[in-house]
Amino acid sequence: MVVQIQILSKIINTNDYSIIENNLLTEEYFDGFLNEYNFIKNHVAQYGNVPDKTTFLANFPNFEFAEVQESDKYLVDTIREERLYAKLVPVIQKSAQLSNTDSNEAVKYLLSSVKELQPNYNLGGTDIVAQAQDRYEEYIKRKNNQDASFFTCGFEELDDITHGIQRGEELYVLFARTNQGKSWIVEKMCTHVWQLGYNVGYISPEMTANSIGYRFDTLYNNFSNKSLMWGRDDISQEEYENYIKTLSTKQNKFIVATPIDFDKKITVSKLRNWVQQYKLDMIAIDGITYMTDERYRRGDNKTTSLTNISEDLMSLSVELHIPVLVVVQANRENVDTPELENIRDSDGISHNASKVLSIKQIKDSNVVELCVKKQRFGLVNQTLKYHWDIDTGKFTWISNYDDATSQSQKEKAISSISKSYKDVTDVF
């Protein structure tokens, strides 16, 4: 009975009914809690959402909620095993009784019961021949309305290579070593998508909402980030105030959340609810290692957990038809340009990603290098270089950098557009 309580509690606490729908858990799995199960099921069917805790307790005041930390997989495996056990016991008992008088009859009974005992979890699939019309219609939709299928990312030259950010089935990984600018790059992409008129969500494990907000102001309107962060008077107070007033008239949202907003446990299930609550069109997570693996089992190492999380994030993207951008740390400080194998703690992250972008700053300069290390539908190892004025958030494509034929020419190209690196603000 414990697992039934856990599942029902998790559904109400997370406002997420998917564990029932995705695993075809019918009322036969909820002996002893049939009324509770049917109440939730009917509420979802009639109103389109899970009943809240107050509504549920008004109908079942004696139900004792459990605090559930187990993954959906564990709960489903357990309730299926318990159901199979409950069906198996009467068969074993009856066959034992028959064997006392006639073993042949006992065996016949066992064999006849095998089909009924065989688990049937109705695994699905898609007939890509019979349903080819669906592909044609999706193609026409993409052809006639690119905006419905793709976002531009804020780097026009990068869009030429990757065709932007796909609005579903997109786990976009940005990785770099420490202090190379990966957080700025991902926030620039988010700011750009917000500018297009969409709702954006940003998970910031290390910085407050105001700090992210000041970066937003820098990227969106090129205010000096140092001046905003340090409270300096070298920007016009009136200009900044008018800008803030203009922002308040915008209808689309840029939602920033920290681990505290997720009760210090950022999970994919909570992200799903977060996306639905704010009607987000894209989300970014500034550090996948801050997430909690809902499929964790005792003995799992960090690599396994990060692989599970990346798989679940891709599934979330497919389910909700939104892109998920994730920042990842690279290891091996001695490598020049990080490769896929340098993603810290897990090659499963790059395996599950639809696009992977490495980020590197050219030493002693304000030049940042973006290299496409993976994309499912395009060329890889394509490199772009930008002059980055960190304080004002401006990125300028260096169109002739790779045309420089000698090392001295390359150094001249960098130095001609770079200022002293001592004046930069924080990078990350």
Protein backbone atom coordinates (compact mmCIF):
# COMPACT_ATOMS: atom_id res chain seq x y z
CA MET A 1 0.00 0.00 0.00
CA VAL A 2 2.94 2.33 0.58
CA VAL A 3 3.75 2.83 -3.09
CA GLN A 4 0.13 3.74 -3.89
CA ILE A 5 0.31 6.48 -1.24
CA GLN A 6 3.65 7.65 -2.66
CA ILE A 7 2.29 7.91 -6.21
CA LEU A 8 -0.92 9.68 -5.20
CA SER A 9 1.06 12.06 -2.96
CA LYS A 10 3.54 12.83 -5.72
CA ILE A 11 0.76 13.57 -8.21
CA ILE A 12 -0.89 16.07 -5.86
CA ASN A 13 2.35 17.63 -4.56
CA THR A 14 3.86 18.16 -8.02
CA ASN A 15 0.58 18.82 -9.87
CA ASP A 16 1.82 16.31 -12.47
CA TYR A 17 -0.39 13.45 -13.71
CA SER A 18 2.12 12.12 -16.25
CA ILE A 19 3.23 9.15 -14.11
CA ILE A 20 -0.27 7.70 -14.61
CA GLU A 21 -0.62 8.52 -18.30
CA ASN A 22 2.90 7.63 -19.38
CA ASN A 23 2.91 4.26 -17.61
CA LEU A 24 -0.74 3.23 -18.16
CA LEU A 25 -1.45 2.79 -14.46
CA THR A 26 -5.10 1.79 -14.26
CA GLU A 27 -7.38 1.42 -11.25
CA GLU A 28 -6.34 -2.22 -10.77
CA TYR A 29 -3.03 -0.93 -9.40
CA PHE A 30 -4.72 1.08 -6.64
CA ASP A 31 -6.56 -1.48 -4.51
CA GLY A 32 -7.40 0.23 -1.23
CA PHE A 33 -7.17 3.69 -2.83
CA LEU A 34 -9.57 3.28 -5.72
CA ASN A 35 -11.72 6.28 -4.78
CA GLU A 36 -8.69 8.55 -4.48
CA TYR A 37 -7.33 7.37 -7.83
CA ASN A 38 -10.65 7.87 -9.63
CA PHE A 39 -11.16 11.31 -8.05
CA ILE A 40 -7.83 12.53 -9.45
CA LYS A 41 -8.42 10.87 -12.81
CA ASN A 42 -11.89 12.39 -13.20
CA HIS A 43 -10.69 15.82 -12.08
CA VAL A 44 -7.96 15.79 -14.73
CA ALA A 45 -10.42 14.65 -17.41
CA GLN A 46 -13.02 17.30 -16.51
CA TYR A 47 -10.86 20.32 -15.61
CA GLY A 48 -7.55 19.62 -17.32
CA ASN A 49 -5.45 19.76 -14.16
CA VAL A 50 -4.64 17.82 -11.01
CA PRO A 51 -6.73 18.86 -7.96
CA ASP A 52 -4.78 20.88 -5.43
CA LYS A 53 -4.08 19.60 -1.95
CA THR A 54 -6.93 21.52 -0.34
CA THR A 55 -9.51 20.16 -2.79
CA PHE A 56 -8.19 16.62 -2.41
CA LEU A 57 -8.24 16.72 1.41
CA ALA A 58 -11.74 18.14 1.39
CA ASN A 59 -12.84 14.87 -0.21
CA PHE A 60 -10.39 12.55 1.58
CA PRO A 61 -9.63 14.15 4.97
CA ASN A 62 -8.01 10.97 6.35
CA PHE A 63 -5.46 10.64 3.56
CA GLU A 64 -1.93 11.03 4.93
CA PHE A 65 0.44 12.56 2.41
CA ALA A 66 3.97 11.18 2.07
CA GLU A 67 7.11 13.15 1.28
CA VAL A 68 8.32 11.43 -1.90
CA GLN A 69 11.94 11.55 -3.04
CA GLU A 70 11.87 8.39 -5.17
CA SER A 71 12.00 8.62 -8.96
CA ASP A 72 9.01 7.86 -11.18
CA LYS A 73 10.81 4.78 -12.48
CA TYR A 74 11.23 3.33 -9.00
CA LEU A 75 7.58 3.98 -8.12
CA VAL A 76 6.29 2.46 -11.37
CA ASP A 77 8.55 -0.60 -11.12
CA THR A 78 7.44 -1.16 -7.52
CA ILE A 79 3.70 -0.83 -8.11
CA ARG A 80 3.91 -3.14 -11.12
CA GLU A 81 5.84 -5.73 -9.12
CA GLU A 82 3.31 -5.54 -6.28
CA ARG A 83 0.41 -5.96 -8.71
CA LEU A 84 2.06 -8.97 -10.33
CA TYR A 85 2.70 -10.48 -6.91
CA ALA A 86 -0.95 -9.99 -5.93
CA LYS A 87 -2.06 -11.83 -9.09
CA LEU A 88 0.55 -14.56 -8.71
CA VAL A 89 -0.18 -15.60 -5.11
CA PRO A 90 -3.73 -17.00 -5.74
CA VAL A 91 -2.44 -18.93 -8.76
CA ILE A 92 0.37 -20.52 -6.74
CA GLN A 93 -2.00 -21.36 -3.90
CA LYS A 94 -4.55 -23.00 -6.18
CA SER A 95 -1.90 -24.95 -8.09
CA ALA A 96 -0.52 -26.20 -4.75
CA GLN A 97 -3.98 -27.46 -3.78
CA LEU A 98 -4.42 -29.21 -7.14
CA SER A 99 -1.02 -30.86 -6.86
CA ASN A 100 -2.14 -32.60 -3.68
CA THR A 101 -4.52 -34.70 -5.74
CA ASP A 102 -3.35 -34.46 -9.37
CA SER A 103 -0.04 -32.92 -10.44
CA ASN A 104 -1.05 -33.00 -14.10
CA GLU A 105 -4.06 -30.82 -13.36
CA ALA A 106 -1.84 -28.46 -11.36
CA VAL A 107 0.55 -28.04 -14.30
CA LYS A 108 -2.33 -27.51 -16.74
CA TYR A 109 -3.71 -24.80 -14.49
CA LEU A 110 -0.33 -23.09 -14.20
CA LEU A 111 0.17 -23.12 -17.97
CA SER A 112 -3.30 -21.73 -18.58
CA SER A 113 -2.63 -18.91 -16.12
CA VAL A 114 0.69 -17.84 -17.62
CA LYS A 115 -0.91 -15.67 -20.29
CA GLU A 116 -2.94 -13.78 -17.71
CA LEU A 117 0.10 -13.30 -15.51
CA GLN A 118 2.31 -12.04 -18.32
CA PRO A 119 2.82 -8.28 -17.82
CA ASN A 120 1.32 -6.21 -20.61
CA TYR A 121 2.53 -2.65 -20.52
CA ASN A 122 1.34 -1.77 -24.04
CA LEU A 123 4.57 -0.42 -25.46
CA GLY A 124 3.94 2.15 -28.16
CA GLY A 125 5.43 3.10 -31.50
CA THR A 126 4.77 5.07 -34.68
CA ASP A 127 4.22 3.63 -38.15
CA ILE A 128 6.23 6.13 -40.19
CA VAL A 129 4.76 4.71 -43.42
CA ALA A 130 1.09 4.82 -42.48
CA GLN A 131 1.54 8.21 -40.81
CA ALA A 132 3.71 9.79 -43.50
CA GLN A 133 1.06 12.49 -43.99
CA ASP A 134 2.00 13.85 -40.56
CA ARG A 135 5.55 14.46 -41.76
CA TYR A 136 4.33 16.23 -44.87
CA GLU A 137 2.08 18.53 -42.86
CA GLU A 138 4.90 19.32 -40.44
CA TYR A 139 7.19 20.13 -43.37
CA ILE A 140 4.61 22.51 -44.85
CA LYS A 141 4.18 24.15 -41.45
CA ARG A 142 7.95 24.67 -41.11
CA LYS A 143 8.22 25.92 -44.68
CA ASN A 144 5.42 28.47 -44.35
CA ASN A 145 6.17 29.60 -40.79
CA GLN A 146 9.78 29.23 -39.69
CA ASP A 147 9.08 31.17 -36.48
CA ALA A 148 6.74 28.42 -35.32
CA SER A 149 9.58 25.90 -35.44
CA PHE A 150 12.78 27.88 -34.77
CA PHE A 151 14.10 30.80 -32.73
CA THR A 152 17.04 32.86 -33.89
CA CYS A 153 19.70 32.85 -31.17
CA GLY A 154 21.12 36.38 -31.19
CA PHE A 155 24.26 35.47 -33.13
CA GLU A 156 23.32 35.84 -36.78
CA GLU A 157 26.38 33.99 -38.07
CA LEU A 158 25.72 31.10 -35.69
CA ASP A 159 22.14 30.92 -36.96
CA ASP A 160 23.53 30.50 -40.49
CA ILE A 161 25.30 27.35 -39.31
CA THR A 162 22.72 25.84 -36.95
CA HIS A 163 19.46 27.34 -38.28
CA GLY A 164 18.86 28.76 -34.83
CA ILE A 165 17.22 27.06 -31.85
CA GLN A 166 14.60 24.44 -32.62
CA ARG A 167 11.40 24.94 -30.65
CA GLY A 168 11.14 21.32 -29.58
CA GLU A 169 13.32 18.22 -29.42
CA GLU A 170 16.19 20.57 -28.60
CA LEU A 171 18.66 20.07 -25.75
CA TYR A 172 21.20 22.78 -26.51
CA VAL A 173 24.40 22.36 -24.47
CA LEU A 174 26.92 25.19 -24.03
CA PHE A 175 30.18 24.16 -22.39
CA ALA A 176 33.51 25.72 -21.50
CA ARG A 177 36.14 25.81 -18.82
CA THR A 178 35.73 28.17 -15.88
CA ASN A 179 35.52 31.91 -16.53
CA GLN A 180 35.14 31.72 -20.31
CA GLY A 181 31.79 33.50 -20.66
CA LYS A 182 29.34 30.62 -21.02
CA SER A 183 26.79 32.21 -18.64
CA TRP A 184 26.88 35.46 -20.60
CA ILE A 185 26.44 33.62 -23.90
CA VAL A 186 23.42 31.65 -22.74
CA GLU A 187 21.83 34.77 -21.21
CA LYS A 188 22.39 36.65 -24.47
CA MET A 189 20.49 33.90 -26.29
CA CYS A 190 17.69 34.11 -23.72
CA THR A 191 17.55 37.90 -23.93
CA HIS A 192 17.32 37.70 -27.72
CA VAL A 193 14.44 35.20 -27.62
CA TRP A 194 12.68 37.46 -25.08
CA GLN A 195 13.17 40.37 -27.48
CA LEU A 196 11.38 38.32 -30.13
CA GLY A 197 8.31 38.44 -27.88
CA TYR A 198 8.45 35.06 -26.14
CA ASN A 199 8.40 34.00 -22.49
CA VAL A 200 11.79 32.83 -21.23
CA GLY A 201 12.79 31.02 -18.04
CA TYR A 202 16.30 31.16 -16.60
CA ILE A 203 17.58 28.98 -13.74
CA SER A 204 20.44 30.75 -11.93
CA PRO A 205 22.04 28.55 -9.26
CA GLU A 206 24.85 30.96 -8.38
CA MET A 207 23.50 34.50 -8.91
CA THR A 208 20.48 36.42 -7.63
CA ALA A 209 17.61 37.54 -9.83
CA ASN A 210 18.81 41.17 -9.64
CA SER A 211 22.33 40.23 -10.77
CA ILE A 212 20.87 38.37 -13.73
CA GLY A 213 18.61 41.37 -14.28
CA TYR A 214 21.59 43.75 -14.52
CA ARG A 215 23.18 41.47 -17.10
CA PHE A 216 19.86 41.51 -18.96
CA ASP A 217 19.94 45.33 -18.95
CA THR A 218 23.50 45.24 -20.30
CA LEU A 219 22.71 42.75 -23.06
CA TYR A 220 19.38 44.34 -24.00
CA ASN A 221 20.25 48.03 -23.78
CA ASN A 222 24.07 48.07 -23.44
CA PHE A 223 24.18 49.75 -20.03
CA SER A 224 27.60 49.45 -18.38
CA ASN A 225 27.45 46.32 -16.26
CA LYS A 226 30.10 47.63 -13.89
CA SER A 227 28.16 50.83 -13.34
CA LEU A 228 24.97 48.92 -12.59
CA MET A 229 26.65 46.44 -10.26
CA TRP A 230 28.83 49.01 -8.46
CA GLY A 231 26.28 51.83 -8.36
CA ARG A 232 28.50 54.25 -10.27
CA ASP A 233 27.18 57.55 -11.57
CA ASP A 234 28.64 57.34 -15.08
CA ILE A 235 25.29 56.29 -16.53
CA SER A 236 22.29 58.60 -16.67
CA GLN A 237 19.91 57.90 -13.84
CA GLU A 238 17.07 59.41 -15.87
CA GLU A 239 17.90 57.22 -18.88
CA TYR A 240 17.98 54.10 -16.74
CA GLU A 241 14.72 55.03 -14.99
CA ASN A 242 12.96 55.63 -18.33
CA TYR A 243 14.28 52.29 -19.57
CA ILE A 244 12.88 50.53 -16.50
CA LYS A 245 9.49 52.18 -17.02
CA THR A 246 9.48 51.00 -20.64
CA LEU A 247 10.26 47.44 -19.56
CA SER A 248 7.21 47.46 -17.29
CA THR A 249 4.98 47.87 -20.35
CA LYS A 250 6.19 44.61 -21.94
CA GLN A 251 3.78 41.69 -21.85
CA ASN A 252 6.14 38.74 -22.26
CA LYS A 253 8.08 37.42 -19.28
CA PHE A 254 11.71 36.74 -18.41
CA ILE A 255 11.44 34.56 -15.29
CA VAL A 256 14.58 34.02 -13.19
CA ALA A 257 14.57 31.31 -10.52
CA THR A 258 17.18 30.10 -8.05
CA PRO A 259 17.40 26.77 -6.18
CA ILE A 260 15.50 28.36 -3.28
CA ASP A 261 12.50 28.79 -5.59
CA PHE A 262 12.60 25.01 -6.14
CA ASP A 263 12.96 24.12 -2.45
CA LYS A 264 16.67 23.59 -3.10
CA LYS A 265 15.98 20.63 -5.41
CA ILE A 266 15.75 21.44 -9.11
CA THR A 267 14.14 18.43 -10.80
CA VAL A 268 12.73 17.87 -14.25
CA SER A 269 9.24 17.35 -12.78
CA LYS A 270 9.43 20.73 -11.07
CA LEU A 271 10.72 22.32 -14.28
CA ARG A 272 7.69 20.93 -16.10
CA ASN A 273 5.34 22.60 -13.64
CA TRP A 274 7.39 25.82 -13.79
CA VAL A 275 7.15 25.93 -17.58
CA GLN A 276 3.40 25.34 -17.48
CA GLN A 277 2.84 27.87 -14.68
CA TYR A 278 4.50 30.74 -16.53
CA LYS A 279 3.72 29.50 -20.07
CA LEU A 280 7.40 29.56 -20.96
CA ASP A 281 8.54 29.18 -24.57
CA MET A 282 12.19 28.41 -23.72
CA ILE A 283 14.21 27.66 -20.60
CA ALA A 284 17.91 27.83 -19.76
CA ILE A 285 19.70 26.14 -16.87
CA ASP A 286 22.99 27.74 -15.89
CA GLY A 287 24.60 24.57 -14.54
CA ILE A 288 23.28 21.04 -15.02
CA THR A 289 25.23 19.79 -11.98
CA TYR A 290 22.89 21.75 -9.71
CA MET A 291 19.96 19.55 -10.75
CA THR A 292 18.65 16.55 -8.81
CA ASP A 293 18.28 13.19 -10.56
CA GLU A 294 14.75 11.87 -9.98
CA ARG A 295 15.82 8.42 -11.20
CA TYR A 296 18.70 8.15 -8.74
CA ARG A 297 19.25 4.76 -7.15
CA ARG A 298 21.63 3.92 -4.37
CA GLY A 299 25.04 3.29 -5.88
CA ASP A 300 24.56 5.52 -8.94
CA ASN A 301 27.58 7.73 -9.61
CA LYS A 302 27.55 11.31 -10.85
CA THR A 303 27.98 10.24 -14.47
CA THR A 304 24.84 8.09 -14.32
CA SER A 305 22.84 10.87 -12.66
CA LEU A 306 23.87 13.50 -15.21
CA THR A 307 23.04 11.12 -18.06
CA ASN A 308 19.60 10.52 -16.53
CA ILE A 309 19.02 14.25 -16.12
CA SER A 310 20.03 15.05 -19.71
CA GLU A 311 17.74 12.29 -21.02
CA ASP A 312 14.86 13.66 -18.97
CA LEU A 313 15.53 17.22 -20.14
CA MET A 314 15.37 16.11 -23.77
CA SER A 315 12.11 14.27 -23.03
CA LEU A 316 10.79 17.47 -21.44
CA SER A 317 11.67 19.41 -24.59
CA VAL A 318 9.82 16.90 -26.77
CA GLU A 319 6.81 16.78 -24.46
CA LEU A 320 6.34 20.54 -24.04
CA HIS A 321 7.69 21.56 -27.46
CA ILE A 322 10.20 24.01 -26.01
CA PRO A 323 13.99 24.21 -26.33
CA VAL A 324 16.08 23.57 -23.22
CA LEU A 325 19.46 25.31 -23.01
CA VAL A 326 21.98 23.91 -20.52
CA VAL A 327 25.35 25.23 -19.36
CA VAL A 328 27.96 22.56 -18.61
CA GLN A 329 31.47 22.73 -17.19
CA ALA A 330 34.41 21.39 -19.23
CA ASN A 331 37.29 19.54 -17.61
CA ARG A 332 40.97 19.22 -18.63
CA GLU A 333 42.38 22.66 -18.12
CA ASN A 334 45.35 21.84 -20.36
CA VAL A 335 43.38 21.47 -23.60
CA ASP A 336 43.24 24.41 -26.01
CA THR A 337 39.71 24.02 -27.34
CA PRO A 338 37.32 21.78 -25.35
CA GLU A 339 35.97 18.77 -27.21
CA LEU A 340 32.90 16.64 -26.49
CA GLU A 341 34.95 14.24 -24.39
CA ASN A 342 35.90 17.15 -22.14
CA ILE A 343 32.38 17.59 -20.79
CA ARG A 344 32.84 17.07 -17.07
CA ASP A 345 31.46 13.92 -15.42
CA SER A 346 29.39 12.64 -18.33
CA ASP A 347 29.65 11.89 -22.02
CA GLY A 348 25.96 11.01 -21.73
CA ILE A 349 25.19 14.74 -21.77
CA SER A 350 26.68 15.21 -25.23
CA HIS A 351 25.05 11.98 -26.40
CA ASN A 352 21.58 13.24 -25.44
CA ALA A 353 22.17 16.79 -26.71
CA SER A 354 20.82 17.91 -30.08
CA LYS A 355 23.38 20.73 -30.31
CA VAL A 356 26.66 21.31 -28.45
CA LEU A 357 28.51 24.63 -28.52
CA SER A 358 31.98 25.05 -27.03
CA ILE A 359 33.04 28.48 -25.77
CA LYS A 360 36.61 29.73 -25.38
CA GLN A 361 38.17 33.12 -24.84
CA ILE A 362 41.37 33.92 -26.72
CA LYS A 363 44.08 34.54 -24.14
CA ASP A 364 44.69 38.16 -23.11
CA SER A 365 41.96 39.51 -25.37
CA ASN A 366 38.25 40.21 -25.55
CA VAL A 367 37.78 37.71 -28.37
CA VAL A 368 35.45 34.79 -27.71
CA GLU A 369 35.38 31.71 -29.90
CA LEU A 370 32.20 29.70 -30.48
CA CYS A 371 32.56 26.27 -32.06
CA VAL A 372 29.70 23.96 -33.05
CA LYS A 373 30.81 20.56 -31.75
CA LYS A 374 27.57 18.73 -32.42
CA GLN A 375 24.33 19.24 -34.28
CA ARG A 376 22.06 16.53 -35.57
CA PHE A 377 21.17 18.22 -38.83
CA GLY A 378 24.20 20.17 -39.95
CA LEU A 379 27.96 20.63 -40.13
CA VAL A 380 30.15 20.40 -37.04
CA ASN A 381 33.50 21.93 -36.04
CA GLN A 382 32.37 25.26 -37.48
CA THR A 383 34.08 28.11 -35.60
CA LEU A 384 33.08 31.75 -35.18
CA LYS A 385 34.97 34.50 -33.38
CA TYR A 386 33.50 37.64 -31.85
CA HIS A 387 34.93 40.72 -30.23
CA TRP A 388 33.14 40.93 -26.90
CA ASP A 389 32.84 44.19 -25.02
CA ILE A 390 31.98 42.52 -21.71
CA ASP A 391 31.00 45.73 -19.93
CA THR A 392 28.38 46.78 -22.50
CA GLY A 393 27.36 43.31 -23.72
CA LYS A 394 28.18 43.96 -27.38
CA PHE A 395 29.37 41.12 -29.62
CA THR A 396 30.96 41.96 -33.00
CA TRP A 397 31.69 39.20 -35.48
CA ILE A 398 35.32 39.09 -36.64
CA SER A 399 34.73 38.33 -40.28
CA ASN A 400 38.36 38.32 -41.38
CA TYR A 401 39.96 36.57 -38.42
CA ASP A 402 40.39 33.21 -40.13
CA ASP A 403 41.62 34.91 -43.30
CA ALA A 404 44.78 36.07 -41.55
CA THR A 405 47.54 33.93 -43.06
CA SER A 406 50.23 34.40 -40.45
CA GLN A 407 50.40 34.35 -36.68
CA SER A 408 51.43 38.02 -36.63
CA GLN A 409 48.42 38.96 -38.74
CA LYS A 410 46.12 37.05 -36.41
CA GLU A 411 47.59 38.74 -33.38
CA LYS A 412 47.16 42.12 -35.09
CA ALA A 413 43.52 41.31 -35.88
CA ILE A 414 42.87 40.52 -32.23
CA SER A 415 44.77 43.45 -30.74
CA SER A 416 43.13 45.96 -33.07
CA ILE A 417 39.69 45.27 -31.61
CA SER A 418 40.56 44.28 -28.04
CA LYS A 419 40.97 46.57 -25.07
CA SER A 420 42.86 45.90 -21.88
CA TYR A 421 41.60 42.70 -20.29
CA LYS A 422 42.10 44.26 -16.86
CA ASP A 423 38.94 46.33 -17.20
CA VAL A 424 36.47 43.48 -17.72
CA THR A 425 33.72 42.54 -15.29
CA ASP A 426 33.01 38.99 -14.10
CA VAL A 427 32.69 36.41 -16.86
CA PHE A 428 31.69 32.85 -15.78
